[in-house]
Amino acid sequence: MIVERFKNEDPLPVYRRFRDQGRLAPKGLIYVSSWVDEKMHRCYQLMETDGSTLIEQWISNWNDIVDFEVYGVLTSKEAAERVTFLL
């Protein structure tokens, strides 16, 4: 899960770049879905990959106009399976 904070709370540079160049994700980094807060200051993206290298490459294409927080997440099913082993 990636939290993007648009620099200067300005989404326009992000949407312009996306319109002109696309997602700019390297091969192997899979976009799943995204949500933008109502103020248009933050975007929450769900991406899939086997490692952080591809995420770092993707971030380098955007970090001049976006600040990033990256969180590894599990599906609810995966979390339940992990907890089952602890019970």
PDB file of N, CA and C in Angstrom:
ATOM      1  N   MET A   1       0.870  -1.166   0.000  1.00  0.00           N
ATOM      2  CA  MET A   1       0.000   0.000   0.000  1.00  0.00           C
ATOM      3  C   MET A   1       0.905   1.213   0.000  1.00  0.00           C
ATOM      4  N   ILE A   2       0.612   2.127  -0.894  1.00  0.00           N
ATOM      5  CA  ILE A   2       1.426   3.318  -1.026  1.00  0.00           C
ATOM      6  C   ILE A   2       0.540   4.527  -0.781  1.00  0.00           C
ATOM      7  N   VAL A   3       0.988   5.377   0.127  1.00  0.00           N
ATOM      8  CA  VAL A   3       0.298   6.634   0.383  1.00  0.00           C
ATOM      9  C   VAL A   3       1.112   7.723  -0.301  1.00  0.00           C
ATOM     10  N   GLU A   4       0.470   8.417  -1.209  1.00  0.00           N
ATOM     11  CA  GLU A   4       1.113   9.520  -1.921  1.00  0.00           C
ATOM     12  C   GLU A   4       0.548  10.831  -1.390  1.00  0.00           C
ATOM     13  N   ARG A   5       1.428  11.736  -1.042  1.00  0.00           N
ATOM     14  CA  ARG A   5       1.014  13.082  -0.651  1.00  0.00           C
ATOM     15  C   ARG A   5       1.496  14.023  -1.754  1.00  0.00           C
ATOM     16  N   PHE A   6       0.544  14.665  -2.414  1.00  0.00           N
ATOM     17  CA  PHE A   6       0.891  15.569  -3.498  1.00  0.00           C
ATOM     18  C   PHE A   6       1.629  16.772  -2.917  1.00  0.00           C
ATOM     19  N   LYS A   7       2.816  17.059  -3.425  1.00  0.00           N
ATOM     20  CA  LYS A   7       3.593  18.186  -2.908  1.00  0.00           C
ATOM     21  C   LYS A   7       2.813  19.470  -3.108  1.00  0.00           C
ATOM     22  N   ASN A   8       2.885  20.327  -2.096  1.00  0.00           N
ATOM     23  CA  ASN A   8       2.139  21.588  -2.068  1.00  0.00           C
ATOM     24  C   ASN A   8       0.627  21.368  -2.143  1.00  0.00           C
ATOM     25  N   GLU A   9       0.209  20.141  -1.801  1.00  0.00           N
ATOM     26  CA  GLU A   9      -1.214  19.766  -1.860  1.00  0.00           C
ATOM     27  C   GLU A   9      -1.808  20.073  -3.230  1.00  0.00           C
ATOM     28  N   ASP A  10      -0.987  19.895  -4.264  1.00  0.00           N
ATOM     29  CA  ASP A  10      -1.379  20.237  -5.631  1.00  0.00           C
ATOM     30  C   ASP A  10      -1.409  18.987  -6.502  1.00  0.00           C
ATOM     31  N   PRO A  11      -2.589  18.497  -6.862  1.00  0.00           N
ATOM     32  CA  PRO A  11      -2.681  17.293  -7.678  1.00  0.00           C
ATOM     33  C   PRO A  11      -2.420  17.526  -9.173  1.00  0.00           C
ATOM     34  N   LEU A  12      -2.466  18.778  -9.635  1.00  0.00           N
ATOM     35  CA  LEU A  12      -2.369  19.039 -11.067  1.00  0.00           C
ATOM     36  C   LEU A  12      -1.083  18.514 -11.712  1.00  0.00           C
ATOM     37  N   PRO A  13       0.106  18.724 -11.124  1.00  0.00           N
ATOM     38  CA  PRO A  13       1.305  18.171 -11.762  1.00  0.00           C
ATOM     39  C   PRO A  13       1.263  16.642 -11.894  1.00  0.00           C
ATOM     40  N   VAL A  14       0.660  15.994 -10.908  1.00  0.00           N
ATOM     41  CA  VAL A  14       0.569  14.528 -10.939  1.00  0.00           C
ATOM     42  C   VAL A  14      -0.352  14.081 -12.069  1.00  0.00           C
ATOM     43  N   TYR A  15      -1.506  14.689 -12.154  1.00  0.00           N
ATOM     44  CA  TYR A  15      -2.456  14.291 -13.192  1.00  0.00           C
ATOM     45  C   TYR A  15      -1.967  14.653 -14.594  1.00  0.00           C
ATOM     46  N   ARG A  16      -1.223  15.754 -14.703  1.00  0.00           N
ATOM     47  CA  ARG A  16      -0.651  16.104 -16.014  1.00  0.00           C
ATOM     48  C   ARG A  16       0.370  15.066 -16.463  1.00  0.00           C
ATOM     49  N   ARG A  17       1.275  14.698 -15.534  1.00  0.00           N
ATOM     50  CA  ARG A  17       2.294  13.705 -15.885  1.00  0.00           C
ATOM     51  C   ARG A  17       1.650  12.368 -16.221  1.00  0.00           C
ATOM     52  N   PHE A  18       0.661  11.981 -15.425  1.00  0.00           N
ATOM     53  CA  PHE A  18      -0.023  10.716 -15.700  1.00  0.00           C
ATOM     54  C   PHE A  18      -0.696  10.755 -17.073  1.00  0.00           C
ATOM     55  N   ARG A  19      -1.340  11.850 -17.401  1.00  0.00           N
ATOM     56  CA  ARG A  19      -1.986  12.004 -18.703  1.00  0.00           C
ATOM     57  C   ARG A  19      -0.958  11.916 -19.830  1.00  0.00           C
ATOM     58  N   ASP A  20       0.184  12.555 -19.649  1.00  0.00           N
ATOM     59  CA  ASP A  20       1.188  12.640 -20.708  1.00  0.00           C
ATOM     60  C   ASP A  20       2.090  11.420 -20.815  1.00  0.00           C
ATOM     61  N   GLN A  21       2.366  10.743 -19.660  1.00  0.00           N
ATOM     62  CA  GLN A  21       3.363   9.673 -19.656  1.00  0.00           C
ATOM     63  C   GLN A  21       2.874   8.345 -19.101  1.00  0.00           C
ATOM     64  N   GLY A  22       1.660   8.327 -18.558  1.00  0.00           N
ATOM     65  CA  GLY A  22       1.154   7.092 -17.969  1.00  0.00           C
ATOM     66  C   GLY A  22       1.670   6.885 -16.558  1.00  0.00           C
ATOM     67  N   ARG A  23       1.512   5.675 -16.048  1.00  0.00           N
ATOM     68  CA  ARG A  23       1.850   5.373 -14.665  1.00  0.00           C
ATOM     69  C   ARG A  23       3.355   5.348 -14.412  1.00  0.00           C
ATOM     70  N   LEU A  24       4.145   5.127 -15.442  1.00  0.00           N
ATOM     71  CA  LEU A  24       5.608   5.079 -15.343  1.00  0.00           C
ATOM     72  C   LEU A  24       6.091   3.966 -14.418  1.00  0.00           C
ATOM     73  N   ALA A  25       5.349   2.881 -14.361  1.00  0.00           N
ATOM     74  CA  ALA A  25       5.715   1.737 -13.522  1.00  0.00           C
ATOM     75  C   ALA A  25       6.601   0.781 -14.319  1.00  0.00           C
ATOM     76  N   PRO A  26       7.669   0.291 -13.702  1.00  0.00           N
ATOM     77  CA  PRO A  26       8.502  -0.695 -14.399  1.00  0.00           C
ATOM     78  C   PRO A  26       7.764  -2.023 -14.555  1.00  0.00           C
ATOM     79  N   LYS A  27       8.183  -2.790 -15.540  1.00  0.00           N
ATOM     80  CA  LYS A  27       7.593  -4.111 -15.762  1.00  0.00           C
ATOM     81  C   LYS A  27       7.766  -4.951 -14.498  1.00  0.00           C
ATOM     82  N   GLY A  28       6.679  -5.583 -14.078  1.00  0.00           N
ATOM     83  CA  GLY A  28       6.703  -6.395 -12.867  1.00  0.00           C
ATOM     84  C   GLY A  28       6.053  -5.723 -11.671  1.00  0.00           C
ATOM     85  N   LEU A  29       5.824  -4.415 -11.760  1.00  0.00           N
ATOM     86  CA  LEU A  29       5.088  -3.694 -10.720  1.00  0.00           C
ATOM     87  C   LEU A  29       3.661  -3.548 -11.228  1.00  0.00           C
ATOM     88  N   ILE A  30       2.734  -4.162 -10.525  1.00  0.00           N
ATOM     89  CA  ILE A  30       1.355  -4.264 -10.997  1.00  0.00           C
ATOM     90  C   ILE A  30       0.454  -3.322 -10.201  1.00  0.00           C
ATOM     91  N   TYR A  31      -0.206  -2.438 -10.922  1.00  0.00           N
ATOM     92  CA  TYR A  31      -1.196  -1.549 -10.323  1.00  0.00           C
ATOM     93  C   TYR A  31      -2.474  -2.346 -10.070  1.00  0.00           C
ATOM     94  N   VAL A  32      -3.023  -2.247  -8.856  1.00  0.00           N
ATOM     95  CA  VAL A  32      -4.257  -2.941  -8.506  1.00  0.00           C
ATOM     96  C   VAL A  32      -5.430  -1.963  -8.474  1.00  0.00           C
ATOM     97  N   SER A  33      -5.310  -0.919  -7.674  1.00  0.00           N
ATOM     98  CA  SER A  33      -6.389   0.054  -7.549  1.00  0.00           C
ATOM     99  C   SER A  33      -5.874   1.271  -6.792  1.00  0.00           C
ATOM    100  N   SER A  34      -6.645   2.366  -6.828  1.00  0.00           N
ATOM    101  CA  SER A  34      -6.257   3.544  -6.062  1.00  0.00           C
ATOM    102  C   SER A  34      -7.482   4.346  -5.667  1.00  0.00           C
ATOM    103  N   TRP A  35      -7.295   5.162  -4.631  1.00  0.00           N
ATOM    104  CA  TRP A  35      -8.338   6.031  -4.105  1.00  0.00           C
ATOM    105  C   TRP A  35      -7.694   7.363  -3.777  1.00  0.00           C
ATOM    106  N   VAL A  36      -8.415   8.445  -3.995  1.00  0.00           N
ATOM    107  CA  VAL A  36      -7.917   9.789  -3.694  1.00  0.00           C
ATOM    108  C   VAL A  36      -8.840  10.413  -2.654  1.00  0.00           C
ATOM    109  N   ASP A  37      -8.240  11.072  -1.657  1.00  0.00           N
ATOM    110  CA  ASP A  37      -9.083  11.704  -0.644  1.00  0.00           C
ATOM    111  C   ASP A  37      -9.875  12.864  -1.262  1.00  0.00           C
ATOM    112  N   GLU A  38     -10.940  13.251  -0.594  1.00  0.00           N
ATOM    113  CA  GLU A  38     -11.859  14.248  -1.142  1.00  0.00           C
ATOM    114  C   GLU A  38     -11.217  15.622  -1.333  1.00  0.00           C
ATOM    115  N   LYS A  39     -10.179  15.923  -0.567  1.00  0.00           N
ATOM    116  CA  LYS A  39      -9.493  17.208  -0.716  1.00  0.00           C
ATOM    117  C   LYS A  39      -8.484  17.185  -1.865  1.00  0.00           C
ATOM    118  N   MET A  40      -8.260  16.003  -2.442  1.00  0.00           N
ATOM    119  CA  MET A  40      -7.305  15.829  -3.540  1.00  0.00           C
ATOM    120  C   MET A  40      -5.869  16.151  -3.088  1.00  0.00           C
ATOM    121  N   HIS A  41      -5.548  15.774  -1.837  1.00  0.00           N
ATOM    122  CA  HIS A  41      -4.207  15.974  -1.313  1.00  0.00           C
ATOM    123  C   HIS A  41      -3.417  14.676  -1.262  1.00  0.00           C
ATOM    124  N   ARG A  42      -4.139  13.554  -1.162  1.00  0.00           N
ATOM    125  CA  ARG A  42      -3.499  12.251  -0.999  1.00  0.00           C
ATOM    126  C   ARG A  42      -4.123  11.221  -1.907  1.00  0.00           C
ATOM    127  N   CYS A  43      -3.278  10.283  -2.321  1.00  0.00           N
ATOM    128  CA  CYS A  43      -3.738   9.129  -3.090  1.00  0.00           C
ATOM    129  C   CYS A  43      -3.258   7.876  -2.372  1.00  0.00           C
ATOM    130  N   TYR A  44      -4.115   6.893  -2.293  1.00  0.00           N
ATOM    131  CA  TYR A  44      -3.795   5.594  -1.697  1.00  0.00           C
ATOM    132  C   TYR A  44      -3.777   4.584  -2.827  1.00  0.00           C
ATOM    133  N   GLN A  45      -2.627   3.984  -3.065  1.00  0.00           N
ATOM    134  CA  GLN A  45      -2.503   3.040  -4.183  1.00  0.00           C
ATOM    135  C   GLN A  45      -2.148   1.662  -3.666  1.00  0.00           C
ATOM    136  N   LEU A  46      -2.768   0.683  -4.262  1.00  0.00           N
ATOM    137  CA  LEU A  46      -2.433  -0.697  -3.986  1.00  0.00           C
ATOM    138  C   LEU A  46      -1.688  -1.229  -5.200  1.00  0.00           C
ATOM    139  N   MET A  47      -0.451  -1.668  -4.963  1.00  0.00           N
ATOM    140  CA  MET A  47       0.407  -2.193  -6.020  1.00  0.00           C
ATOM    141  C   MET A  47       0.871  -3.576  -5.588  1.00  0.00           C
ATOM    142  N   GLU A  48       1.190  -4.425  -6.567  1.00  0.00           N
ATOM    143  CA  GLU A  48       1.715  -5.762  -6.281  1.00  0.00           C
ATOM    144  C   GLU A  48       3.090  -5.920  -6.905  1.00  0.00           C
ATOM    145  N   THR A  49       4.000  -6.513  -6.132  1.00  0.00           N
ATOM    146  CA  THR A  49       5.332  -6.845  -6.624  1.00  0.00           C
ATOM    147  C   THR A  49       5.980  -7.824  -5.653  1.00  0.00           C
ATOM    148  N   ASP A  50       7.014  -8.488  -6.120  1.00  0.00           N
ATOM    149  CA  ASP A  50       7.728  -9.439  -5.265  1.00  0.00           C
ATOM    150  C   ASP A  50       8.841  -8.783  -4.458  1.00  0.00           C
ATOM    151  N   GLY A  51       9.158  -7.535  -4.758  1.00  0.00           N
ATOM    152  CA  GLY A  51      10.240  -6.892  -4.030  1.00  0.00           C
ATOM    153  C   GLY A  51      10.136  -5.385  -4.062  1.00  0.00           C
ATOM    154  N   SER A  52      10.901  -4.749  -3.210  1.00  0.00           N
ATOM    155  CA  SER A  52      10.816  -3.293  -3.089  1.00  0.00           C
ATOM    156  C   SER A  52      11.587  -2.555  -4.178  1.00  0.00           C
ATOM    157  N   THR A  53      12.465  -3.225  -4.891  1.00  0.00           N
ATOM    158  CA  THR A  53      13.269  -2.559  -5.919  1.00  0.00           C
ATOM    159  C   THR A  53      12.402  -1.906  -6.982  1.00  0.00           C
ATOM    160  N   LEU A  54      11.377  -2.605  -7.438  1.00  0.00           N
ATOM    161  CA  LEU A  54      10.499  -2.044  -8.470  1.00  0.00           C
ATOM    162  C   LEU A  54       9.703  -0.852  -7.946  1.00  0.00           C
ATOM    163  N   ILE A  55       9.303  -0.907  -6.690  1.00  0.00           N
ATOM    164  CA  ILE A  55       8.596   0.227  -6.089  1.00  0.00           C
ATOM    165  C   ILE A  55       9.526   1.433  -6.021  1.00  0.00           C
ATOM    166  N   GLU A  56      10.778   1.201  -5.633  1.00  0.00           N
ATOM    167  CA  GLU A  56      11.746   2.295  -5.562  1.00  0.00           C
ATOM    168  C   GLU A  56      11.986   2.910  -6.936  1.00  0.00           C
ATOM    169  N   GLN A  57      12.047   2.083  -7.978  1.00  0.00           N
ATOM    170  CA  GLN A  57      12.213   2.599  -9.339  1.00  0.00           C
ATOM    171  C   GLN A  57      11.021   3.465  -9.731  1.00  0.00           C
ATOM    172  N   TRP A  58       9.831   2.997  -9.429  1.00  0.00           N
ATOM    173  CA  TRP A  58       8.611   3.738  -9.759  1.00  0.00           C
ATOM    174  C   TRP A  58       8.568   5.071  -9.011  1.00  0.00           C
ATOM    175  N   ILE A  59       8.880   5.036  -7.719  1.00  0.00           N
ATOM    176  CA  ILE A  59       8.878   6.258  -6.910  1.00  0.00           C
ATOM    177  C   ILE A  59       9.834   7.288  -7.488  1.00  0.00           C
ATOM    178  N   SER A  60      10.979   6.843  -8.003  1.00  0.00           N
ATOM    179  CA  SER A  60      11.959   7.793  -8.551  1.00  0.00           C
ATOM    180  C   SER A  60      11.397   8.577  -9.737  1.00  0.00           C
ATOM    181  N   ASN A  61      10.370   8.049 -10.390  1.00  0.00           N
ATOM    182  CA  ASN A  61       9.732   8.764 -11.506  1.00  0.00           C
ATOM    183  C   ASN A  61       8.765   9.842 -11.047  1.00  0.00           C
ATOM    184  N   TRP A  62       8.445   9.840  -9.769  1.00  0.00           N
ATOM    185  CA  TRP A  62       7.406  10.742  -9.258  1.00  0.00           C
ATOM    186  C   TRP A  62       7.838  11.577  -8.055  1.00  0.00           C
ATOM    187  N   ASN A  63       8.963  11.283  -7.436  1.00  0.00           N
ATOM    188  CA  ASN A  63       9.264  11.904  -6.141  1.00  0.00           C
ATOM    189  C   ASN A  63       9.560  13.403  -6.209  1.00  0.00           C
ATOM    190  N   ASP A  64       9.633  13.977  -7.398  1.00  0.00           N
ATOM    191  CA  ASP A  64       9.786  15.425  -7.485  1.00  0.00           C
ATOM    192  C   ASP A  64       8.460  16.147  -7.248  1.00  0.00           C
ATOM    193  N   ILE A  65       7.338  15.436  -7.404  1.00  0.00           N
ATOM    194  CA  ILE A  65       6.023  16.059  -7.223  1.00  0.00           C
ATOM    195  C   ILE A  65       5.141  15.331  -6.204  1.00  0.00           C
ATOM    196  N   VAL A  66       5.650  14.223  -5.652  1.00  0.00           N
ATOM    197  CA  VAL A  66       4.882  13.428  -4.694  1.00  0.00           C
ATOM    198  C   VAL A  66       5.804  12.949  -3.576  1.00  0.00           C
ATOM    199  N   ASP A  67       5.315  12.988  -2.336  1.00  0.00           N
ATOM    200  CA  ASP A  67       5.996  12.351  -1.203  1.00  0.00           C
ATOM    201  C   ASP A  67       5.319  11.016  -0.952  1.00  0.00           C
ATOM    202  N   PHE A  68       6.103   9.990  -0.645  1.00  0.00           N
ATOM    203  CA  PHE A  68       5.590   8.623  -0.553  1.00  0.00           C
ATOM    204  C   PHE A  68       5.790   8.014   0.832  1.00  0.00           C
ATOM    205  N   GLU A  69       4.832   7.193   1.219  1.00  0.00           N
ATOM    206  CA  GLU A  69       4.952   6.262   2.340  1.00  0.00           C
ATOM    207  C   GLU A  69       4.585   4.889   1.780  1.00  0.00           C
ATOM    208  N   VAL A  70       5.407   3.882   2.053  1.00  0.00           N
ATOM    209  CA  VAL A  70       5.174   2.541   1.515  1.00  0.00           C
ATOM    210  C   VAL A  70       4.968   1.583   2.684  1.00  0.00           C
ATOM    211  N   TYR A  71       3.898   0.802   2.598  1.00  0.00           N
ATOM    212  CA  TYR A  71       3.551  -0.165   3.637  1.00  0.00           C
ATOM    213  C   TYR A  71       3.327  -1.532   2.994  1.00  0.00           C
ATOM    214  N   GLY A  72       3.999  -2.539   3.505  1.00  0.00           N
ATOM    215  CA  GLY A  72       3.696  -3.900   3.090  1.00  0.00           C
ATOM    216  C   GLY A  72       2.384  -4.318   3.734  1.00  0.00           C
ATOM    217  N   VAL A  73       1.483  -4.875   2.965  1.00  0.00           N
ATOM    218  CA  VAL A  73       0.184  -5.291   3.495  1.00  0.00           C
ATOM    219  C   VAL A  73      -0.124  -6.725   3.087  1.00  0.00           C
ATOM    220  N   LEU A  74      -1.037  -7.332   3.828  1.00  0.00           N
ATOM    221  CA  LEU A  74      -1.535  -8.683   3.563  1.00  0.00           C
ATOM    222  C   LEU A  74      -3.018  -8.601   3.257  1.00  0.00           C
ATOM    223  N   THR A  75      -3.516  -9.569   2.525  1.00  0.00           N
ATOM    224  CA  THR A  75      -4.969  -9.664   2.389  1.00  0.00           C
ATOM    225  C   THR A  75      -5.528 -10.127   3.741  1.00  0.00           C
ATOM    226  N   SER A  76      -6.812  -9.939   3.939  1.00  0.00           N
ATOM    227  CA  SER A  76      -7.442 -10.410   5.179  1.00  0.00           C
ATOM    228  C   SER A  76      -7.282 -11.921   5.325  1.00  0.00           C
ATOM    229  N   LYS A  77      -7.381 -12.634   4.217  1.00  0.00           N
ATOM    230  CA  LYS A  77      -7.217 -14.087   4.247  1.00  0.00           C
ATOM    231  C   LYS A  77      -5.805 -14.460   4.694  1.00  0.00           C
ATOM    232  N   GLU A  78      -4.795 -13.782   4.145  1.00  0.00           N
ATOM    233  CA  GLU A  78      -3.410 -14.073   4.543  1.00  0.00           C
ATOM    234  C   GLU A  78      -3.190 -13.767   6.016  1.00  0.00           C
ATOM    235  N   ALA A  79      -3.763 -12.671   6.499  1.00  0.00           N
ATOM    236  CA  ALA A  79      -3.627 -12.317   7.913  1.00  0.00           C
ATOM    237  C   ALA A  79      -4.279 -13.372   8.799  1.00  0.00           C
ATOM    238  N   ALA A  80      -5.462 -13.836   8.423  1.00  0.00           N
ATOM    239  CA  ALA A  80      -6.154 -14.867   9.202  1.00  0.00           C
ATOM    240  C   ALA A  80      -5.344 -16.158   9.241  1.00  0.00           C
ATOM    241  N   GLU A  81      -4.728 -16.509   8.115  1.00  0.00           N
ATOM    242  CA  GLU A  81      -3.900 -17.718   8.088  1.00  0.00           C
ATOM    243  C   GLU A  81      -2.697 -17.591   9.003  1.00  0.00           C
ATOM    244  N   ARG A  82      -2.089 -16.425   9.058  1.00  0.00           N
ATOM    245  CA  ARG A  82      -0.951 -16.213   9.976  1.00  0.00           C
ATOM    246  C   ARG A  82      -1.380 -16.304  11.424  1.00  0.00           C
ATOM    247  N   VAL A  83      -2.537 -15.707  11.735  1.00  0.00           N
ATOM    248  CA  VAL A  83      -3.030 -15.731  13.102  1.00  0.00           C
ATOM    249  C   VAL A  83      -3.386 -17.153  13.525  1.00  0.00           C
ATOM    250  N   THR A  84      -3.904 -17.929  12.619  1.00  0.00           N
ATOM    251  CA  THR A  84      -4.280 -19.308  12.918  1.00  0.00           C
ATOM    252  C   THR A  84      -3.085 -20.086  13.460  1.00  0.00           C
ATOM    253  N   PHE A  85      -1.913 -19.837  12.924  1.00  0.00           N
ATOM    254  CA  PHE A  85      -0.711 -20.520  13.392  1.00  0.00           C
ATOM    255  C   PHE A  85      -0.322 -20.104  14.802  1.00  0.00           C
ATOM    256  N   LEU A  86      -0.774 -18.940  15.241  1.00  0.00           N
ATOM    257  CA  LEU A  86      -0.430 -18.441  16.562  1.00  0.00           C
ATOM    258  C   LEU A  86      -1.398 -18.898  17.634  1.00  0.00           C
ATOM    259  N   LEU A  87      -2.556 -19.390  17.234  1.00  0.00           N
ATOM    260  CA  LEU A  87      -3.581 -19.799  18.205  1.00  0.00           C
ATOM    261  C   LEU A  87      -3.265 -21.115  18.864  1.00  0.00           C
TER     262      LEU A  87
END
